[in-house]
Amino acid sequence: MAWRGWPASWLWVASCGLLLLVFILLLSPRSCRARRTLRGLFMARSKRLLFRIGYSLYTRTWLGYLFYRQQLRRARNRYPKGHSRTQPRLFNGVKVLPIPVLADNYSYLIIDTQARLAVAVDPSDPQAVQASIEKEGVNLVAILCTHKHWDHSGGNRDLSRRHQDCRVYGSPQDSIPYLTHPLCHQDVVSVGRLQIRALATPGHTQGHLVYLLDGEPYEGPSCLFSGDLLFLSGCGRTFEGTAETMLSSLDTVLGLGDDTLLWPGHEYAEENLGFAGVVEPENLARERKMQWVQRQRMERKSTCPSTLGEERSYNPFLRTHCPVLQEALGPGPGPTGDDGCSRARLLERLRQLKDLHKSK
């Protein structure tokens, strides 16, 4: 078939010409720079292609489940009591219990202490979550899944089978295992006195949701269970969206109150704050938080929760609107004048720099 109306013969000639040019550049004794450029281009494209193949196998085939089971076995052997020591937060009749699972994930139990009802968030290790349920003496009635990845959804089957009245909530766009109750943006899940609102935050996956526990019924702070959208001083990778999509999702979170507690899906605090120090070395709020985090991690203590007010002060992925960060990194290539486009380009550049920082 001709491409965009080109005759097939012209398309063949153009393809041959392009291949000939590549060979000339590669074979020319004066083309070291060209060879490095082409090699870099091919390597980058090969890495992206290999990643896409691997990601597709992980999310769409049984190989992803087998990989998750291997992760689970290794983590249970390495961390029989969990990768971190956590502390629950008890409010007026509501308890939030972080559960360390796998190598660096967190699952959560949200408990109505009066009704003895519990909601599990991202229960990737059903054994660890069930042990906490039994220790707390509560009845699991709902599972809230932020997204489909096995390190967040792997325990859905076992727990929903064990607790027959348990409902599994999540986005219908995300192929979440054993989903029974699809949710849309702004839908509310009610369990006892718990009022939990789902917010659509695509980018990491197409159907990624975060969950906001309303603090008003228990006269306390609201709690944001952010999955892989937002971490302490970091944000998730954009696997199934664009920088613009991720920026819009982060802006959804930025609209919440400063006192909102952030309960992330992973223990990435020390690494993320280290990167934040590279892009904003003069940020004193980051420096203070880093000192606290390092003390916590020396004793293998969890670093969650933080607050959204804190995150606004040092999380570079929430600070793309800040002139200091824009000046430090520049707007990047592309048209200027559109604040949304400039911030999206800055967000993408931050993500690229973060990957380079992690690989060193």
Protein backbone atom coordinates (compact mmCIF):
# COMPACT_ATOMS: atom_id res chain seq x y z
CA MET A 1 0.00 0.00 0.00
CA ALA A 2 1.32 3.48 -0.85
CA TRP A 3 2.07 5.75 2.09
CA ARG A 4 0.01 8.94 2.22
CA GLY A 5 -0.70 8.77 -1.48
CA TRP A 6 2.86 8.11 -2.64
CA PRO A 7 3.21 5.59 -5.51
CA ALA A 8 4.69 2.33 -4.33
CA SER A 9 7.68 2.71 -6.68
CA TRP A 10 8.63 6.08 -5.17
CA LEU A 11 8.29 4.67 -1.67
CA TRP A 12 10.69 1.83 -2.59
CA VAL A 13 13.23 4.25 -4.08
CA ALA A 14 13.04 6.53 -1.03
CA SER A 15 13.56 3.57 1.34
CA CYS A 16 16.58 2.35 -0.62
CA GLY A 17 18.04 5.85 -0.64
CA LEU A 18 17.65 6.18 3.11
CA LEU A 19 19.34 2.82 3.73
CA LEU A 20 22.19 3.77 1.39
CA LEU A 21 22.72 7.02 3.27
CA VAL A 22 22.87 5.17 6.58
CA PHE A 23 25.47 2.72 5.25
CA ILE A 24 27.60 5.54 3.83
CA LEU A 25 27.55 7.35 7.17
CA LEU A 26 28.41 4.21 9.07
CA LEU A 27 31.25 3.15 6.76
CA SER A 28 32.81 6.55 6.16
CA PRO A 29 36.17 6.95 8.02
CA ARG A 30 35.18 10.52 8.90
CA SER A 31 31.82 9.63 10.34
CA CYS A 32 32.61 8.81 13.96
CA ARG A 33 30.20 11.45 15.17
CA ALA A 34 27.52 10.25 12.76
CA ARG A 35 28.04 6.66 13.88
CA ARG A 36 27.71 7.66 17.53
CA THR A 37 24.55 9.60 16.74
CA LEU A 38 22.99 6.74 14.78
CA ARG A 39 24.07 4.20 17.39
CA GLY A 40 22.50 6.31 20.11
CA LEU A 41 19.32 6.64 18.07
CA PHE A 42 19.11 2.91 17.43
CA MET A 43 19.89 2.07 21.06
CA ALA A 44 17.25 4.46 22.36
CA ARG A 45 14.63 3.10 19.98
CA SER A 46 15.63 -0.49 20.75
CA LYS A 47 15.29 0.15 24.48
CA ARG A 48 11.87 1.70 23.99
CA LEU A 49 10.79 -1.21 21.79
CA LEU A 50 12.08 -3.81 24.26
CA PHE A 51 10.38 -2.00 27.12
CA ARG A 52 7.07 -1.90 25.24
CA ILE A 53 7.29 -5.62 24.51
CA GLY A 54 8.14 -6.41 28.14
CA TYR A 55 5.43 -4.13 29.48
CA SER A 56 2.84 -5.68 27.19
CA LEU A 57 3.83 -9.18 28.34
CA TYR A 58 3.66 -8.06 32.00
CA THR A 59 0.22 -6.48 31.77
CA ARG A 60 -1.50 -8.69 29.19
CA THR A 61 -0.21 -12.24 29.65
CA TRP A 62 0.25 -14.84 32.38
CA LEU A 63 4.00 -14.07 32.35
CA GLY A 64 3.26 -10.92 34.38
CA TYR A 65 1.54 -12.98 37.06
CA LEU A 66 4.47 -15.43 37.20
CA PHE A 67 6.89 -12.51 37.60
CA TYR A 68 4.73 -11.13 40.43
CA ARG A 69 4.70 -14.51 42.19
CA GLN A 70 8.50 -14.61 41.99
CA GLN A 71 8.68 -11.10 43.47
CA LEU A 72 6.37 -12.20 46.25
CA ARG A 73 8.46 -15.26 47.17
CA ARG A 74 11.71 -13.31 47.18
CA ALA A 75 10.29 -10.50 49.31
CA ARG A 76 8.79 -12.90 51.85
CA ASN A 77 12.16 -14.64 52.21
CA ARG A 78 14.15 -11.41 52.42
CA TYR A 79 11.70 -9.44 54.59
CA PRO A 80 9.74 -11.92 56.72
CA LYS A 81 8.47 -9.03 58.86
CA GLY A 82 8.16 -6.51 56.04
CA HIS A 83 10.64 -4.10 54.46
CA SER A 84 9.80 -1.27 56.90
CA ARG A 85 8.44 -0.72 60.37
CA THR A 86 5.16 1.17 60.14
CA GLN A 87 2.99 3.08 62.60
CA PRO A 88 -0.80 3.26 62.26
CA ARG A 89 -2.63 6.58 62.48
CA LEU A 90 -5.68 6.57 64.74
CA PHE A 91 -8.26 9.31 64.43
CA ASN A 92 -11.74 9.69 65.90
CA GLY A 93 -13.09 6.22 65.10
CA VAL A 94 -10.91 5.67 62.03
CA LYS A 95 -7.58 3.86 61.78
CA VAL A 96 -5.16 3.86 58.85
CA LEU A 97 -2.74 0.94 58.95
CA PRO A 98 0.15 0.80 56.44
CA ILE A 99 1.28 -2.74 55.56
CA PRO A 100 4.78 -3.17 54.05
CA VAL A 101 4.63 -5.69 51.20
CA LEU A 102 6.98 -6.97 48.47
CA ALA A 103 10.36 -5.17 48.33
CA ASP A 104 9.11 -1.57 48.73
CA ASN A 105 5.32 -1.48 48.26
CA TYR A 106 2.69 -0.41 50.76
CA SER A 107 -0.80 -1.80 51.12
CA TYR A 108 -3.23 -0.18 53.54
CA LEU A 109 -6.14 -1.07 55.78
CA ILE A 110 -8.66 1.72 56.42
CA ILE A 111 -10.69 0.69 59.45
CA ASP A 112 -13.95 1.95 60.91
CA THR A 113 -13.05 1.09 64.51
CA GLN A 114 -16.62 1.31 65.76
CA ALA A 115 -18.22 -0.97 63.17
CA ARG A 116 -15.06 -3.17 62.88
CA LEU A 117 -15.18 -2.86 59.10
CA ALA A 118 -12.08 -2.63 56.94
CA VAL A 119 -11.18 -1.50 53.43
CA ALA A 120 -7.92 -2.72 51.85
CA VAL A 121 -6.01 -0.53 49.38
CA ASP A 122 -3.78 -2.30 46.81
CA PRO A 123 -3.43 -5.61 48.71
CA SER A 124 -0.59 -7.11 46.68
CA ASP A 125 0.42 -9.66 49.32
CA PRO A 126 -2.78 -11.37 50.50
CA GLN A 127 -0.93 -13.22 53.25
CA ALA A 128 0.39 -10.05 54.88
CA VAL A 129 -2.94 -8.24 54.52
CA GLN A 130 -4.88 -11.20 55.95
CA ALA A 131 -2.52 -11.34 58.95
CA SER A 132 -3.28 -7.67 59.66
CA ILE A 133 -7.02 -8.24 59.27
CA GLU A 134 -6.91 -11.05 61.82
CA LYS A 135 -4.72 -9.07 64.21
CA GLU A 136 -7.11 -6.11 64.07
CA GLY A 137 -10.18 -8.34 64.40
CA VAL A 138 -12.07 -6.66 61.56
CA ASN A 139 -14.23 -7.73 58.64
CA LEU A 140 -12.87 -6.95 55.17
CA VAL A 141 -15.73 -5.63 53.04
CA ALA A 142 -13.97 -3.78 50.20
CA ILE A 143 -10.78 -3.68 48.18
CA LEU A 144 -9.78 -0.43 46.49
CA CYS A 145 -7.34 -0.97 43.62
CA THR A 146 -5.51 2.04 42.21
CA HIS A 147 -4.42 0.25 39.03
CA LYS A 148 -3.89 -3.09 37.34
CA HIS A 149 -0.17 -3.74 37.92
CA TRP A 150 0.35 -6.98 39.82
CA ASP A 151 2.34 -5.33 42.62
CA HIS A 152 -0.89 -3.50 43.49
CA SER A 153 -3.61 -5.98 42.48
CA GLY A 154 -2.02 -9.39 43.05
CA GLY A 155 -3.94 -10.16 46.25
CA ASN A 156 -7.42 -9.43 44.87
CA ARG A 157 -8.22 -13.05 44.03
CA ASP A 158 -7.24 -14.68 47.32
CA LEU A 159 -8.76 -12.02 49.56
CA SER A 160 -12.05 -11.74 47.64
CA ARG A 161 -12.42 -15.53 47.76
CA ARG A 162 -11.63 -15.67 51.46
CA HIS A 163 -14.02 -12.81 52.31
CA GLN A 164 -17.11 -13.64 50.27
CA ASP A 165 -18.88 -10.32 50.88
CA CYS A 166 -15.81 -8.33 49.83
CA ARG A 167 -16.26 -6.04 46.83
CA VAL A 168 -13.35 -5.16 44.52
CA TYR A 169 -13.37 -1.56 43.26
CA GLY A 170 -11.32 0.05 40.51
CA SER A 171 -11.39 1.52 37.04
CA PRO A 172 -13.04 -0.51 34.26
CA GLN A 173 -10.39 0.87 31.88
CA ASP A 174 -7.56 -0.90 33.68
CA SER A 175 -8.32 -4.65 33.46
CA ILE A 176 -8.07 -5.02 37.24
CA PRO A 177 -8.15 -8.68 38.35
CA TYR A 178 -11.45 -9.79 39.94
CA LEU A 179 -13.03 -6.35 39.62
CA THR A 180 -16.67 -6.44 40.79
CA HIS A 181 -17.59 -2.75 41.18
CA PRO A 182 -16.27 -0.37 38.48
CA LEU A 183 -15.68 3.23 39.53
CA CYS A 184 -15.61 6.51 37.63
CA HIS A 185 -14.16 9.90 38.52
CA GLN A 186 -15.76 11.34 41.70
CA ASP A 187 -17.63 8.13 42.60
CA VAL A 188 -17.90 7.59 46.36
CA VAL A 189 -17.47 4.29 48.22
CA SER A 190 -19.26 4.20 51.60
CA VAL A 191 -18.24 1.71 54.28
CA GLY A 192 -19.61 2.39 57.75
CA ARG A 193 -18.66 5.97 58.48
CA LEU A 194 -15.92 5.90 55.84
CA GLN A 195 -16.55 8.05 52.77
CA ILE A 196 -13.91 7.41 50.10
CA ARG A 197 -13.92 9.28 46.79
CA ALA A 198 -12.27 7.94 43.63
CA LEU A 199 -10.39 10.45 41.49
CA ALA A 200 -9.34 9.59 37.94
CA THR A 201 -5.60 10.20 37.53
CA PRO A 202 -4.48 8.58 34.25
CA GLY A 203 -0.88 8.62 33.10
CA HIS A 204 0.85 5.78 34.91
CA THR A 205 -1.89 3.56 33.48
CA GLN A 206 -4.92 4.52 31.44
CA GLY A 207 -7.35 3.90 34.27
CA HIS A 208 -5.27 4.84 37.33
CA LEU A 209 -7.36 6.01 40.29
CA VAL A 210 -6.41 7.59 43.60
CA TYR A 211 -8.67 7.41 46.65
CA LEU A 212 -9.46 10.28 48.99
CA LEU A 213 -10.79 9.45 52.45
CA ASP A 214 -12.95 12.36 53.61
CA GLY A 215 -11.72 13.61 56.99
CA GLU A 216 -14.89 15.48 57.96
CA PRO A 217 -16.89 12.53 59.43
CA TYR A 218 -14.09 11.75 61.91
CA GLU A 219 -13.00 15.39 62.41
CA GLY A 220 -9.51 14.74 61.13
CA PRO A 221 -7.37 15.27 58.04
CA SER A 222 -8.35 13.77 54.72
CA CYS A 223 -6.15 10.92 53.51
CA LEU A 224 -4.97 10.42 49.93
CA PHE A 225 -4.03 6.90 48.85
CA SER A 226 -2.05 7.72 45.75
CA GLY A 227 -0.92 4.37 44.34
CA ASP A 228 1.72 5.08 41.70
CA LEU A 229 0.64 8.62 40.88
CA LEU A 230 2.46 10.43 43.67
CA PHE A 231 5.20 9.49 46.14
CA LEU A 232 7.06 11.40 48.79
CA SER A 233 9.06 13.84 46.61
CA GLY A 234 8.30 11.92 43.42
CA CYS A 235 5.71 10.77 40.89
CA GLY A 236 5.09 7.62 38.89
CA ARG A 237 6.32 6.80 35.41
CA THR A 238 4.08 7.64 32.48
CA PHE A 239 3.54 4.16 31.07
CA GLU A 240 0.19 4.65 29.34
CA GLY A 241 -0.17 8.38 28.83
CA THR A 242 1.65 11.57 27.98
CA ALA A 243 3.37 14.23 30.03
CA GLU A 244 0.25 16.37 29.56
CA THR A 245 -1.92 13.57 30.95
CA MET A 246 0.30 13.10 33.98
CA LEU A 247 0.47 16.84 34.60
CA SER A 248 -3.33 17.06 34.60
CA SER A 249 -3.52 14.19 37.10
CA LEU A 250 -0.94 15.83 39.39
CA ASP A 251 -2.89 19.08 39.19
CA THR A 252 -5.96 17.16 40.40
CA VAL A 253 -4.00 16.31 43.55
CA LEU A 254 -2.65 19.86 43.86
CA GLY A 255 -6.23 21.04 44.26
CA LEU A 256 -6.54 19.23 47.61
CA GLY A 257 -5.86 20.79 51.01
CA ASP A 258 -2.38 21.22 52.48
CA ASP A 259 -3.24 19.11 55.54
CA THR A 260 -4.21 16.08 53.41
CA LEU A 261 -2.10 13.08 54.43
CA LEU A 262 -0.29 11.36 51.55
CA TRP A 263 -0.14 7.58 51.73
CA PRO A 264 1.91 6.45 48.68
CA GLY A 265 2.22 3.04 47.04
CA HIS A 266 6.00 2.70 47.51
CA GLU A 267 8.85 3.52 49.90
CA TYR A 268 10.90 5.73 47.58
CA ALA A 269 11.49 8.72 49.87
CA GLU A 270 15.28 8.73 50.25
CA GLU A 271 15.96 8.17 46.56
CA ASN A 272 13.41 10.79 45.48
CA LEU A 273 14.67 13.44 47.88
CA GLY A 274 18.19 12.81 46.64
CA PHE A 275 17.09 13.62 43.11
CA ALA A 276 15.16 16.68 44.30
CA GLY A 277 18.43 17.96 45.76
CA VAL A 278 20.04 17.76 42.32
CA VAL A 279 17.44 19.97 40.65
CA GLU A 280 16.84 22.32 43.63
CA PRO A 281 20.00 22.25 45.79
CA GLU A 282 19.03 25.42 47.67
CA ASN A 283 15.64 24.10 48.82
CA LEU A 284 15.81 24.15 52.63
CA ALA A 285 12.49 22.32 53.05
CA ARG A 286 13.91 19.42 51.05
CA GLU A 287 17.09 19.41 53.14
CA ARG A 288 15.14 19.25 56.41
CA LYS A 289 12.93 16.45 55.09
CA MET A 290 15.95 14.52 53.83
CA GLN A 291 17.59 14.61 57.26
CA TRP A 292 14.40 13.27 58.85
CA VAL A 293 13.99 10.55 56.19
CA GLN A 294 17.58 9.37 56.60
CA ARG A 295 17.06 9.01 60.35
CA GLN A 296 13.89 7.01 59.71
CA ARG A 297 15.49 4.70 57.15
CA MET A 298 18.54 4.02 59.34
CA GLU A 299 16.08 2.35 61.70
CA ARG A 300 14.04 0.86 58.82
CA LYS A 301 11.06 2.99 59.78
CA SER A 302 8.44 3.96 57.22
CA THR A 303 8.45 7.54 55.90
CA CYS A 304 4.71 7.77 55.27
CA PRO A 305 2.60 9.70 55.53
CA SER A 306 3.74 13.13 54.43
CA THR A 307 1.29 15.97 53.76
CA LEU A 308 0.44 17.68 50.50
CA GLY A 309 1.58 20.94 52.05
CA GLU A 310 5.03 19.42 52.57
CA GLU A 311 5.07 17.95 49.06
CA ARG A 312 4.36 21.36 47.53
CA SER A 313 7.50 22.68 49.19
CA TYR A 314 10.04 20.12 47.91
CA ASN A 315 8.50 17.66 45.39
CA PRO A 316 9.83 18.85 41.99
CA PHE A 317 7.04 17.06 40.11
CA LEU A 318 4.50 19.26 41.91
CA ARG A 319 6.58 22.41 41.38
CA THR A 320 6.60 22.76 37.58
CA HIS A 321 4.82 26.10 38.02
CA CYS A 322 7.63 27.48 40.21
CA PRO A 323 9.93 30.07 38.55
CA VAL A 324 12.97 28.76 40.47
CA LEU A 325 12.61 25.28 38.97
CA GLN A 326 11.73 26.63 35.52
CA GLU A 327 14.83 28.82 35.54
CA ALA A 328 17.06 25.97 36.72
CA LEU A 329 15.97 23.53 34.02
CA GLY A 330 14.71 25.82 31.26
CA PRO A 331 11.49 25.40 29.27
CA GLY A 332 12.96 22.77 26.94
CA PRO A 333 12.31 22.51 23.20
CA GLY A 334 8.92 23.40 21.75
CA PRO A 335 6.65 26.41 21.42
CA THR A 336 6.64 28.91 24.24
CA GLY A 337 3.77 30.95 25.60
CA ASP A 338 1.49 28.10 26.67
CA ASP A 339 1.97 27.57 30.39
CA GLY A 340 0.42 24.08 30.27
CA CYS A 341 2.72 22.95 27.44
CA SER A 342 5.79 24.45 29.14
CA ARG A 343 4.97 22.70 32.41
CA ALA A 344 4.38 19.40 30.61
CA ARG A 345 7.76 19.66 28.90
CA LEU A 346 9.39 20.46 32.24
CA LEU A 347 7.66 17.44 33.80
CA GLU A 348 8.94 15.20 31.02
CA ARG A 349 12.46 16.56 31.40
CA LEU A 350 12.32 15.95 35.15
CA ARG A 351 11.32 12.36 34.48
CA GLN A 352 14.24 11.90 32.07
CA LEU A 353 16.70 13.45 34.52
CA LYS A 354 15.35 11.25 37.28
CA ASP A 355 16.00 8.14 35.18
CA LEU A 356 19.56 9.29 34.48
CA HIS A 357 20.11 10.03 38.16
CA LYS A 358 18.86 6.56 39.11
CA SER A 359 21.14 4.83 36.57
CA LYS A 360 24.33 6.41 37.98
